[in-house]
């Protein structure tokens, strides 16, 4: 009886599966990775899988994945890549401009998203991205010092003096009105 090596079994499995890429991992052993065309998929299961995997990655790994997505979108734009960018943008700023991504996802024709669950997912992602952008803008505004607190003391003194002068002018006007009204 002949024994079959592990490498031969792995190669046969790769050939039979038809969807895995066969590569060597540098140690002389075969490794399998998902083909990059999964970016083209726009089904809910793939989008949820992608978001879940991206969430578990480090910040730098997320940025690398986003760069690959942006390159793919530039070379061969399609709905699947656009939706992957939408999912990725919530997790990494490296996935592109939030406004552009949400605008283009909102503009997708309903025919390109036949599954109502995916349409809902897109609407939820777009809304979340808008809220995230708004909260970031609000945080920037809140970090800016208040104008009243940043006014130098000399300007505060000048404003006090001007208010006192204005009150004095108003007081003079009232006296003149009393004098002229009494005639």
N, C-alpha and C. Protein backbone atom coordinates (compact mmCIF):
# COMPACT_ATOMS: atom_id res chain seq x y z
N UNK A 1 0.82 -1.17 0.00
CA UNK A 1 0.00 0.00 0.00
C UNK A 1 0.88 1.25 0.00
N UNK A 2 0.51 2.21 -0.83
CA UNK A 2 1.28 3.44 -0.94
C UNK A 2 0.75 4.51 0.00
N UNK A 3 1.65 5.28 0.58
CA UNK A 3 1.22 6.40 1.43
C UNK A 3 1.32 7.68 0.60
N UNK A 4 0.42 8.57 0.88
CA UNK A 4 0.38 9.85 0.17
C UNK A 4 0.91 10.94 1.11
N UNK A 5 1.79 11.77 0.60
CA UNK A 5 2.37 12.82 1.43
C UNK A 5 1.33 13.90 1.73
N UNK A 6 1.55 14.61 2.80
CA UNK A 6 0.64 15.70 3.18
C UNK A 6 0.59 16.78 2.10
N UNK A 7 1.72 17.05 1.50
CA UNK A 7 1.79 18.06 0.45
C UNK A 7 0.93 17.68 -0.74
N UNK A 8 0.95 16.40 -1.11
CA UNK A 8 0.15 15.94 -2.23
C UNK A 8 -1.34 16.06 -1.91
N UNK A 9 -1.71 15.75 -0.67
CA UNK A 9 -3.11 15.87 -0.25
C UNK A 9 -3.54 17.34 -0.29
N UNK A 10 -2.67 18.20 0.21
CA UNK A 10 -3.00 19.63 0.23
C UNK A 10 -3.13 20.16 -1.20
N UNK A 11 -2.24 19.76 -2.09
CA UNK A 11 -2.31 20.22 -3.48
C UNK A 11 -3.58 19.71 -4.14
N UNK A 12 -3.93 18.46 -3.88
CA UNK A 12 -5.16 17.90 -4.46
C UNK A 12 -6.38 18.64 -3.94
N UNK A 13 -6.37 18.95 -2.66
CA UNK A 13 -7.50 19.69 -2.08
C UNK A 13 -7.63 21.06 -2.73
N UNK A 14 -6.52 21.74 -2.94
CA UNK A 14 -6.54 23.06 -3.57
C UNK A 14 -7.08 22.98 -4.99
N UNK A 15 -6.66 21.97 -5.72
CA UNK A 15 -7.13 21.82 -7.09
C UNK A 15 -8.62 21.49 -7.13
N UNK A 16 -9.07 20.68 -6.19
CA UNK A 16 -10.47 20.29 -6.16
C UNK A 16 -11.38 21.44 -5.72
N UNK A 17 -10.90 22.23 -4.79
CA UNK A 17 -11.76 23.31 -4.29
C UNK A 17 -11.99 24.38 -5.33
N UNK A 18 -11.02 24.69 -6.14
CA UNK A 18 -11.19 25.65 -7.22
C UNK A 18 -11.28 27.09 -6.78
N UNK A 19 -11.40 27.36 -5.49
CA UNK A 19 -11.52 28.76 -5.08
C UNK A 19 -10.36 29.24 -4.23
N UNK A 20 -9.51 28.40 -3.81
CA UNK A 20 -8.40 28.82 -2.96
C UNK A 20 -7.17 29.07 -3.80
N UNK A 21 -6.37 30.00 -3.35
CA UNK A 21 -5.09 30.24 -3.98
C UNK A 21 -4.07 29.38 -3.27
N UNK A 22 -3.18 28.78 -4.02
CA UNK A 22 -2.16 27.89 -3.48
C UNK A 22 -0.84 28.66 -3.48
N UNK A 23 -0.26 28.82 -2.31
CA UNK A 23 0.98 29.55 -2.20
C UNK A 23 1.88 28.81 -1.22
N UNK A 24 3.17 29.10 -1.30
CA UNK A 24 4.08 28.55 -0.30
C UNK A 24 4.36 29.64 0.70
N UNK A 25 4.37 29.26 1.98
CA UNK A 25 4.50 30.24 3.04
C UNK A 25 5.94 30.54 3.41
N UNK A 26 6.89 30.14 2.61
CA UNK A 26 8.29 30.42 2.89
C UNK A 26 8.97 29.30 3.67
N UNK A 27 8.19 28.39 4.22
CA UNK A 27 8.75 27.27 4.96
C UNK A 27 8.68 25.99 4.15
N UNK A 28 8.33 26.10 2.87
CA UNK A 28 8.21 24.94 2.02
C UNK A 28 6.89 24.21 2.18
N UNK A 29 6.01 24.80 2.99
CA UNK A 29 4.70 24.18 3.19
C UNK A 29 3.65 25.02 2.47
N UNK A 30 2.66 24.36 1.91
CA UNK A 30 1.63 25.13 1.22
C UNK A 30 0.74 25.86 2.21
N UNK A 31 0.31 27.05 1.83
CA UNK A 31 -0.68 27.77 2.64
C UNK A 31 -1.81 28.17 1.71
N UNK A 32 -2.96 28.32 2.27
CA UNK A 32 -4.14 28.67 1.47
C UNK A 32 -4.66 30.01 1.93
N UNK A 33 -5.04 30.84 1.00
CA UNK A 33 -5.64 32.12 1.34
C UNK A 33 -6.84 32.32 0.43
N UNK A 34 -7.72 33.18 0.86
CA UNK A 34 -8.91 33.47 0.07
C UNK A 34 -8.50 34.29 -1.13
N UNK A 35 -9.09 34.05 -2.26
CA UNK A 35 -8.78 34.87 -3.43
C UNK A 35 -9.30 36.29 -3.22
N UNK A 36 -8.68 37.26 -3.86
CA UNK A 36 -9.04 38.66 -3.68
C UNK A 36 -10.35 39.03 -4.36
N UNK A 37 -10.92 38.13 -5.16
CA UNK A 37 -12.16 38.49 -5.83
C UNK A 37 -13.36 38.45 -4.89
N UNK A 38 -13.15 38.10 -3.62
CA UNK A 38 -14.27 38.17 -2.68
C UNK A 38 -14.69 39.62 -2.47
N UNK A 39 -13.82 40.57 -2.80
CA UNK A 39 -14.21 41.99 -2.74
C UNK A 39 -15.36 42.28 -3.69
N UNK A 40 -15.46 41.52 -4.76
CA UNK A 40 -16.50 41.76 -5.75
C UNK A 40 -17.88 41.30 -5.25
N UNK A 41 -17.88 40.46 -4.24
CA UNK A 41 -19.16 39.97 -3.73
C UNK A 41 -19.91 41.06 -2.97
N UNK A 42 -21.23 41.07 -3.11
CA UNK A 42 -22.03 42.08 -2.40
C UNK A 42 -23.16 41.44 -1.60
N UNK A 43 -23.00 40.16 -1.26
CA UNK A 43 -24.03 39.50 -0.45
C UNK A 43 -23.80 39.82 1.03
N UNK A 44 -24.85 39.75 1.80
CA UNK A 44 -24.80 40.13 3.20
C UNK A 44 -23.82 39.28 4.00
N UNK A 45 -23.78 37.98 3.74
CA UNK A 45 -22.85 37.11 4.47
C UNK A 45 -21.40 37.55 4.28
N UNK A 46 -21.03 37.89 3.05
CA UNK A 46 -19.67 38.33 2.78
C UNK A 46 -19.38 39.66 3.45
N UNK A 47 -20.31 40.60 3.39
CA UNK A 47 -20.10 41.91 3.99
C UNK A 47 -19.96 41.81 5.51
N UNK A 48 -20.76 40.96 6.12
CA UNK A 48 -20.66 40.77 7.57
C UNK A 48 -19.35 40.06 7.93
N UNK A 49 -18.95 39.08 7.13
CA UNK A 49 -17.68 38.39 7.36
C UNK A 49 -16.52 39.37 7.27
N UNK A 50 -16.54 40.19 6.22
CA UNK A 50 -15.47 41.16 6.01
C UNK A 50 -15.39 42.14 7.19
N UNK A 51 -16.53 42.69 7.59
CA UNK A 51 -16.54 43.63 8.71
C UNK A 51 -16.03 43.00 9.99
N UNK A 52 -16.43 41.77 10.23
CA UNK A 52 -15.99 41.06 11.44
C UNK A 52 -14.48 40.82 11.42
N UNK A 53 -13.96 40.37 10.28
CA UNK A 53 -12.52 40.13 10.17
C UNK A 53 -11.73 41.43 10.28
N UNK A 54 -12.23 42.47 9.65
CA UNK A 54 -11.53 43.76 9.70
C UNK A 54 -11.51 44.31 11.13
N UNK A 55 -12.59 44.12 11.86
CA UNK A 55 -12.65 44.61 13.23
C UNK A 55 -11.63 43.93 14.13
N UNK A 56 -11.27 42.72 13.82
CA UNK A 56 -10.31 41.97 14.64
C UNK A 56 -8.86 42.31 14.28
N UNK A 57 -8.64 43.03 13.21
CA UNK A 57 -7.27 43.34 12.78
C UNK A 57 -6.72 44.55 13.52
N UNK A 58 -5.41 44.67 13.49
CA UNK A 58 -4.76 45.84 14.08
C UNK A 58 -5.01 47.05 13.19
N UNK A 59 -4.73 48.22 13.71
CA UNK A 59 -4.92 49.45 12.95
C UNK A 59 -4.12 49.44 11.66
N UNK A 60 -2.88 48.99 11.73
CA UNK A 60 -2.03 48.98 10.52
C UNK A 60 -2.53 47.94 9.52
N UNK A 61 -3.00 46.80 10.00
CA UNK A 61 -3.54 45.78 9.09
C UNK A 61 -4.83 46.27 8.43
N UNK A 62 -5.63 47.02 9.19
CA UNK A 62 -6.85 47.61 8.60
C UNK A 62 -6.48 48.59 7.50
N UNK A 63 -5.47 49.41 7.76
CA UNK A 63 -5.04 50.39 6.77
C UNK A 63 -4.54 49.70 5.51
N UNK A 64 -3.82 48.61 5.68
CA UNK A 64 -3.32 47.85 4.53
C UNK A 64 -4.48 47.27 3.71
N UNK A 65 -5.46 46.72 4.40
CA UNK A 65 -6.64 46.17 3.73
C UNK A 65 -7.39 47.28 2.98
N UNK A 66 -7.49 48.44 3.60
CA UNK A 66 -8.17 49.58 2.96
C UNK A 66 -7.42 50.04 1.72
N UNK A 67 -6.10 50.06 1.79
CA UNK A 67 -5.33 50.45 0.60
C UNK A 67 -5.58 49.47 -0.54
N UNK A 68 -5.64 48.18 -0.21
CA UNK A 68 -5.93 47.17 -1.25
C UNK A 68 -7.32 47.39 -1.84
N UNK A 69 -8.28 47.72 -0.99
CA UNK A 69 -9.64 48.00 -1.47
C UNK A 69 -9.67 49.23 -2.37
N UNK A 70 -8.99 50.28 -1.94
CA UNK A 70 -8.96 51.51 -2.75
C UNK A 70 -8.29 51.27 -4.10
N UNK A 71 -7.21 50.49 -4.10
CA UNK A 71 -6.55 50.15 -5.37
C UNK A 71 -7.51 49.37 -6.26
N UNK A 72 -8.20 48.42 -5.67
CA UNK A 72 -9.15 47.61 -6.43
C UNK A 72 -10.28 48.48 -6.98
N UNK A 73 -10.77 49.41 -6.17
CA UNK A 73 -11.85 50.31 -6.61
C UNK A 73 -11.37 51.18 -7.76
N UNK A 74 -10.11 51.60 -7.69
CA UNK A 74 -9.55 52.44 -8.74
C UNK A 74 -9.39 51.66 -10.04
N UNK A 75 -8.89 50.41 -9.93
CA UNK A 75 -8.63 49.59 -11.12
C UNK A 75 -9.90 49.00 -11.72
N UNK A 76 -10.75 48.45 -10.89
CA UNK A 76 -11.96 47.78 -11.37
C UNK A 76 -13.13 48.08 -10.44
N UNK A 77 -13.71 49.27 -10.54
CA UNK A 77 -14.80 49.62 -9.62
C UNK A 77 -16.02 48.73 -9.83
N UNK A 78 -16.64 48.34 -8.72
CA UNK A 78 -17.89 47.60 -8.79
C UNK A 78 -18.63 47.75 -7.46
N UNK A 79 -19.85 47.28 -7.42
CA UNK A 79 -20.70 47.44 -6.24
C UNK A 79 -20.10 46.73 -5.03
N UNK A 80 -19.59 45.53 -5.22
CA UNK A 80 -19.03 44.79 -4.10
C UNK A 80 -17.88 45.52 -3.43
N UNK A 81 -16.98 46.05 -4.23
CA UNK A 81 -15.84 46.79 -3.67
C UNK A 81 -16.35 48.04 -2.95
N UNK A 82 -17.32 48.72 -3.54
CA UNK A 82 -17.89 49.91 -2.92
C UNK A 82 -18.48 49.58 -1.55
N UNK A 83 -19.18 48.46 -1.45
CA UNK A 83 -19.78 48.07 -0.17
C UNK A 83 -18.73 47.63 0.84
N UNK A 84 -17.65 47.01 0.36
CA UNK A 84 -16.56 46.66 1.28
C UNK A 84 -15.89 47.93 1.81
N UNK A 85 -15.73 48.93 0.96
CA UNK A 85 -15.18 50.21 1.42
C UNK A 85 -16.09 50.86 2.45
N UNK A 86 -17.39 50.76 2.24
CA UNK A 86 -18.36 51.32 3.19
C UNK A 86 -18.20 50.64 4.55
N UNK A 87 -18.08 49.33 4.56
CA UNK A 87 -17.88 48.60 5.82
C UNK A 87 -16.54 48.97 6.44
N UNK A 88 -15.51 49.07 5.62
CA UNK A 88 -14.18 49.36 6.12
C UNK A 88 -14.04 50.77 6.65
N UNK A 89 -14.75 51.73 6.08
CA UNK A 89 -14.61 53.13 6.47
C UNK A 89 -15.07 53.38 7.90
N UNK A 90 -16.01 52.57 8.36
CA UNK A 90 -16.43 52.72 9.76
C UNK A 90 -15.33 52.31 10.72
N UNK A 91 -14.43 51.46 10.27
CA UNK A 91 -13.39 50.94 11.13
C UNK A 91 -12.03 51.57 10.90
N UNK A 92 -11.84 52.25 9.76
CA UNK A 92 -10.53 52.82 9.46
C UNK A 92 -10.68 54.05 8.56
N UNK A 93 -10.02 55.11 8.95
CA UNK A 93 -10.00 56.33 8.13
C UNK A 93 -9.23 56.10 6.84
N UNK A 94 -8.42 55.05 6.79
CA UNK A 94 -7.60 54.76 5.61
C UNK A 94 -8.44 54.26 4.43
N UNK A 95 -9.72 53.99 4.66
CA UNK A 95 -10.57 53.48 3.58
C UNK A 95 -11.14 54.58 2.70
N UNK A 96 -10.69 55.80 2.85
CA UNK A 96 -11.10 56.85 1.94
C UNK A 96 -11.97 57.91 2.60
N UNK A 97 -12.42 58.84 1.78
CA UNK A 97 -13.22 59.97 2.22
C UNK A 97 -14.64 59.50 2.60
N UNK A 98 -15.03 59.77 3.82
CA UNK A 98 -16.33 59.29 4.32
C UNK A 98 -17.49 59.84 3.50
N UNK A 99 -17.44 61.10 3.15
CA UNK A 99 -18.54 61.70 2.40
C UNK A 99 -18.68 61.06 1.02
N UNK A 100 -17.55 60.88 0.33
CA UNK A 100 -17.59 60.25 -1.00
C UNK A 100 -18.15 58.84 -0.93
N UNK A 101 -17.69 58.09 0.06
CA UNK A 101 -18.13 56.70 0.19
C UNK A 101 -19.62 56.64 0.49
N UNK A 102 -20.08 57.45 1.44
CA UNK A 102 -21.50 57.40 1.79
C UNK A 102 -22.37 57.92 0.65
N UNK A 103 -21.90 58.96 -0.05
CA UNK A 103 -22.68 59.47 -1.19
C UNK A 103 -22.79 58.44 -2.31
N UNK A 104 -21.67 57.78 -2.62
CA UNK A 104 -21.73 56.80 -3.71
C UNK A 104 -22.53 55.57 -3.30
N UNK A 105 -22.47 55.18 -2.04
CA UNK A 105 -23.28 54.03 -1.58
C UNK A 105 -24.76 54.39 -1.59
N UNK A 106 -25.09 55.61 -1.21
CA UNK A 106 -26.49 56.05 -1.22
C UNK A 106 -27.03 56.14 -2.63
N UNK A 107 -26.16 56.39 -3.58
CA UNK A 107 -26.58 56.56 -4.98
C UNK A 107 -26.66 55.24 -5.75
N UNK A 108 -26.32 54.14 -5.11
CA UNK A 108 -26.39 52.86 -5.81
C UNK A 108 -27.83 52.58 -6.24
N UNK A 109 -28.03 52.19 -7.48
CA UNK A 109 -29.39 51.88 -7.93
C UNK A 109 -29.92 50.63 -7.21
N UNK A 110 -31.20 50.63 -6.85
CA UNK A 110 -31.77 49.47 -6.15
C UNK A 110 -31.57 48.16 -6.91
N UNK A 111 -31.52 48.22 -8.23
CA UNK A 111 -31.32 47.00 -9.02
C UNK A 111 -29.96 46.36 -8.74
N UNK A 112 -28.98 47.17 -8.32
CA UNK A 112 -27.66 46.62 -8.03
C UNK A 112 -27.62 45.94 -6.66
N UNK A 113 -28.67 46.14 -5.87
CA UNK A 113 -28.79 45.53 -4.55
C UNK A 113 -30.13 44.80 -4.45
N UNK A 114 -30.24 43.63 -5.07
CA UNK A 114 -31.53 42.96 -5.11
C UNK A 114 -32.01 42.44 -3.75
N UNK A 115 -31.09 42.15 -2.84
CA UNK A 115 -31.46 41.63 -1.52
C UNK A 115 -31.87 42.79 -0.61
N UNK A 116 -33.10 42.78 -0.09
CA UNK A 116 -33.55 43.88 0.78
C UNK A 116 -32.72 43.98 2.06
N UNK A 117 -32.15 42.86 2.51
CA UNK A 117 -31.29 42.91 3.70
C UNK A 117 -30.02 43.70 3.42
N UNK A 118 -29.48 43.58 2.23
CA UNK A 118 -28.28 44.34 1.87
C UNK A 118 -28.63 45.82 1.73
N UNK A 119 -29.80 46.12 1.17
CA UNK A 119 -30.22 47.53 1.08
C UNK A 119 -30.35 48.15 2.47
N UNK A 120 -30.92 47.39 3.40
CA UNK A 120 -31.03 47.90 4.77
C UNK A 120 -29.64 48.07 5.36
N UNK A 121 -28.74 47.10 5.14
CA UNK A 121 -27.38 47.17 5.66
C UNK A 121 -26.68 48.42 5.14
N UNK A 122 -26.85 48.70 3.84
CA UNK A 122 -26.23 49.89 3.24
C UNK A 122 -26.78 51.15 3.91
N UNK A 123 -28.10 51.22 4.07
CA UNK A 123 -28.71 52.40 4.71
C UNK A 123 -28.19 52.58 6.13
N UNK A 124 -28.07 51.49 6.87
CA UNK A 124 -27.57 51.57 8.24
C UNK A 124 -26.10 52.00 8.28
N UNK A 125 -25.29 51.46 7.37
CA UNK A 125 -23.87 51.83 7.32
C UNK A 125 -23.70 53.30 6.96
N UNK A 126 -24.49 53.77 5.98
CA UNK A 126 -24.40 55.17 5.56
C UNK A 126 -24.78 56.08 6.72
N UNK A 127 -25.85 55.74 7.42
CA UNK A 127 -26.28 56.55 8.56
C UNK A 127 -25.22 56.55 9.66
N UNK A 128 -24.65 55.39 9.93
CA UNK A 128 -23.60 55.31 10.95
C UNK A 128 -22.39 56.13 10.55
N UNK A 129 -22.03 56.10 9.28
CA UNK A 129 -20.89 56.87 8.80
C UNK A 129 -21.16 58.37 8.91
N UNK A 130 -22.38 58.78 8.59
CA UNK A 130 -22.74 60.20 8.73
C UNK A 130 -22.67 60.63 10.19
N UNK A 131 -23.20 59.82 11.07
CA UNK A 131 -23.18 60.16 12.50
C UNK A 131 -21.75 60.20 13.03
N UNK A 132 -20.93 59.27 12.58
CA UNK A 132 -19.53 59.26 12.99
C UNK A 132 -18.84 60.54 12.55
N UNK A 133 -19.09 60.95 11.31
CA UNK A 133 -18.49 62.19 10.79
C UNK A 133 -18.97 63.40 11.58
N UNK A 134 -20.27 63.44 11.88
CA UNK A 134 -20.82 64.56 12.65
C UNK A 134 -20.23 64.61 14.05
N UNK A 135 -20.08 63.47 14.71
CA UNK A 135 -19.53 63.46 16.06
C UNK A 135 -18.06 63.88 16.06
N UNK A 136 -17.33 63.52 15.00
CA UNK A 136 -15.94 63.96 14.90
C UNK A 136 -15.86 65.48 14.73
N UNK A 137 -16.77 66.03 13.90
CA UNK A 137 -16.79 67.47 13.71
C UNK A 137 -17.14 68.18 15.02
N UNK A 138 -18.12 67.64 15.75
CA UNK A 138 -18.53 68.22 17.02
C UNK A 138 -17.39 68.18 18.02
N UNK A 139 -16.64 67.10 18.04
CA UNK A 139 -15.51 66.99 18.96
C UNK A 139 -14.45 68.04 18.66
N UNK A 140 -14.24 68.33 17.38
CA UNK A 140 -13.27 69.36 17.00
C UNK A 140 -13.75 70.73 17.47
N UNK A 141 -15.03 71.01 17.29
CA UNK A 141 -15.58 72.29 17.71
C UNK A 141 -15.50 72.44 19.22
N UNK A 142 -15.79 71.38 19.95
CA UNK A 142 -15.75 71.44 21.41
C UNK A 142 -14.34 71.63 21.94
N UNK A 143 -13.35 71.16 21.20
CA UNK A 143 -11.96 71.31 21.63
C UNK A 143 -11.46 72.74 21.49
N UNK A 144 -12.08 73.50 20.59
CA UNK A 144 -11.66 74.89 20.41
C UNK A 144 -12.02 75.70 21.66
N UNK A 145 -11.13 76.57 22.10
CA UNK A 145 -11.45 77.36 23.29
C UNK A 145 -12.61 78.31 23.03
N UNK A 146 -13.37 78.53 24.07
CA UNK A 146 -14.51 79.44 23.97
C UNK A 146 -13.98 80.86 23.77
N UNK A 147 -14.70 81.63 22.94
CA UNK A 147 -14.26 83.00 22.64
C UNK A 147 -14.21 83.87 23.89
N UNK A 148 -15.18 83.73 24.75
CA UNK A 148 -15.23 84.56 25.95
C UNK A 148 -14.04 84.27 26.86
N UNK A 149 -13.64 83.04 26.94
CA UNK A 149 -12.52 82.67 27.80
C UNK A 149 -11.18 83.04 27.20
N UNK A 150 -11.14 83.22 25.89
CA UNK A 150 -9.86 83.50 25.25
C UNK A 150 -9.61 85.01 25.06
N UNK A 151 -10.54 85.86 25.49
CA UNK A 151 -10.37 87.31 25.34
C UNK A 151 -9.37 87.79 26.38
N UNK A 152 -8.33 88.48 25.95
CA UNK A 152 -7.33 88.99 26.90
C UNK A 152 -7.95 89.98 27.88
N UNK A 153 -7.32 90.12 29.04
CA UNK A 153 -7.82 90.99 30.09
C UNK A 153 -7.95 92.43 29.63
N UNK A 154 -7.01 92.90 28.79
CA UNK A 154 -7.06 94.29 28.33
C UNK A 154 -8.32 94.53 27.49
N UNK A 155 -8.71 93.54 26.70
CA UNK A 155 -9.94 93.69 25.90
C UNK A 155 -11.17 93.65 26.80
N UNK A 156 -11.12 92.84 27.86
CA UNK A 156 -12.25 92.80 28.80
C UNK A 156 -12.41 94.15 29.49
N UNK A 157 -11.28 94.75 29.89
CA UNK A 157 -11.33 96.06 30.53
C UNK A 157 -11.87 97.11 29.57
N UNK A 158 -11.45 97.03 28.31
CA UNK A 158 -11.92 97.98 27.30
C UNK A 158 -13.42 97.83 27.08
N UNK A 159 -13.89 96.62 27.04
CA UNK A 159 -15.33 96.37 26.87
C UNK A 159 -16.11 96.91 28.07
N UNK A 160 -15.57 96.75 29.28
CA UNK A 160 -16.23 97.28 30.49
C UNK A 160 -16.32 98.80 30.43
N UNK A 161 -15.24 99.42 30.02
CA UNK A 161 -15.23 100.89 29.90
C UNK A 161 -16.26 101.36 28.87
N UNK A 162 -16.32 100.69 27.73
CA UNK A 162 -17.29 101.06 26.70
C UNK A 162 -18.73 100.88 27.19
N UNK A 163 -18.99 99.81 27.95
CA UNK A 163 -20.33 99.61 28.51
C UNK A 163 -20.70 100.74 29.46
N UNK A 164 -19.74 101.13 30.28
CA UNK A 164 -19.99 102.23 31.23
C UNK A 164 -20.29 103.53 30.48
N UNK A 165 -19.57 103.79 29.41
CA UNK A 165 -19.82 104.99 28.60
C UNK A 165 -21.20 104.93 27.97
N UNK A 166 -21.59 103.76 27.48
CA UNK A 166 -22.90 103.59 26.87
C UNK A 166 -24.00 103.83 27.90
N UNK A 167 -23.83 103.32 29.09
CA UNK A 167 -24.81 103.55 30.16
C UNK A 167 -24.88 105.05 30.50
N UNK A 168 -23.76 105.72 30.50
CA UNK A 168 -23.75 107.16 30.79
C UNK A 168 -24.51 107.91 29.70
N UNK A 169 -24.33 107.53 28.44
CA UNK A 169 -25.04 108.19 27.32
C UNK A 169 -26.54 107.94 27.46
N UNK A 170 -26.92 106.72 27.79
CA UNK A 170 -28.34 106.41 27.97
C UNK A 170 -28.95 107.22 29.11
N UNK A 171 -28.19 107.38 30.17
CA UNK A 171 -28.67 108.17 31.31
C UNK A 171 -28.88 109.63 30.91
N UNK A 172 -27.97 110.17 30.12
CA UNK A 172 -28.11 111.56 29.65
C UNK A 172 -29.34 111.68 28.75
N UNK A 173 -29.56 110.69 27.87
CA UNK A 173 -30.72 110.70 26.98
C UNK A 173 -32.02 110.70 27.79
N UNK A 174 -32.08 109.90 28.86
CA UNK A 174 -33.28 109.85 29.70
C UNK A 174 -33.55 111.20 30.35
N UNK A 175 -32.52 111.85 30.85
CA UNK A 175 -32.69 113.17 31.48
C UNK A 175 -33.18 114.20 30.47
N UNK A 176 -32.62 114.14 29.25
CA UNK A 176 -33.05 115.08 28.21
C UNK A 176 -34.51 114.84 27.84
N UNK A 177 -34.90 113.55 27.77
CA UNK A 177 -36.29 113.23 27.46
C UNK A 177 -37.22 113.76 28.55
N UNK A 178 -36.78 113.66 29.82
CA UNK A 178 -37.59 114.15 30.94
C UNK A 178 -37.74 115.67 30.88
N UNK A 179 -36.65 116.34 30.57
CA UNK A 179 -36.67 117.80 30.48
C UNK A 179 -37.53 118.25 29.32
N UNK A 180 -37.36 117.61 28.15
CA UNK A 180 -38.15 117.99 26.97
C UNK A 180 -39.58 117.55 27.10
N UNK A 181 -39.85 116.48 27.76
CA UNK A 181 -41.21 115.99 27.93
C UNK A 181 -41.98 116.83 28.92
N UNK A 182 -41.31 117.49 29.84
CA UNK A 182 -41.97 118.30 30.88
C UNK A 182 -42.38 119.66 30.38
N UNK A 183 -42.00 120.14 29.23
CA UNK A 183 -42.31 121.47 28.73
C UNK A 183 -43.69 121.57 28.25
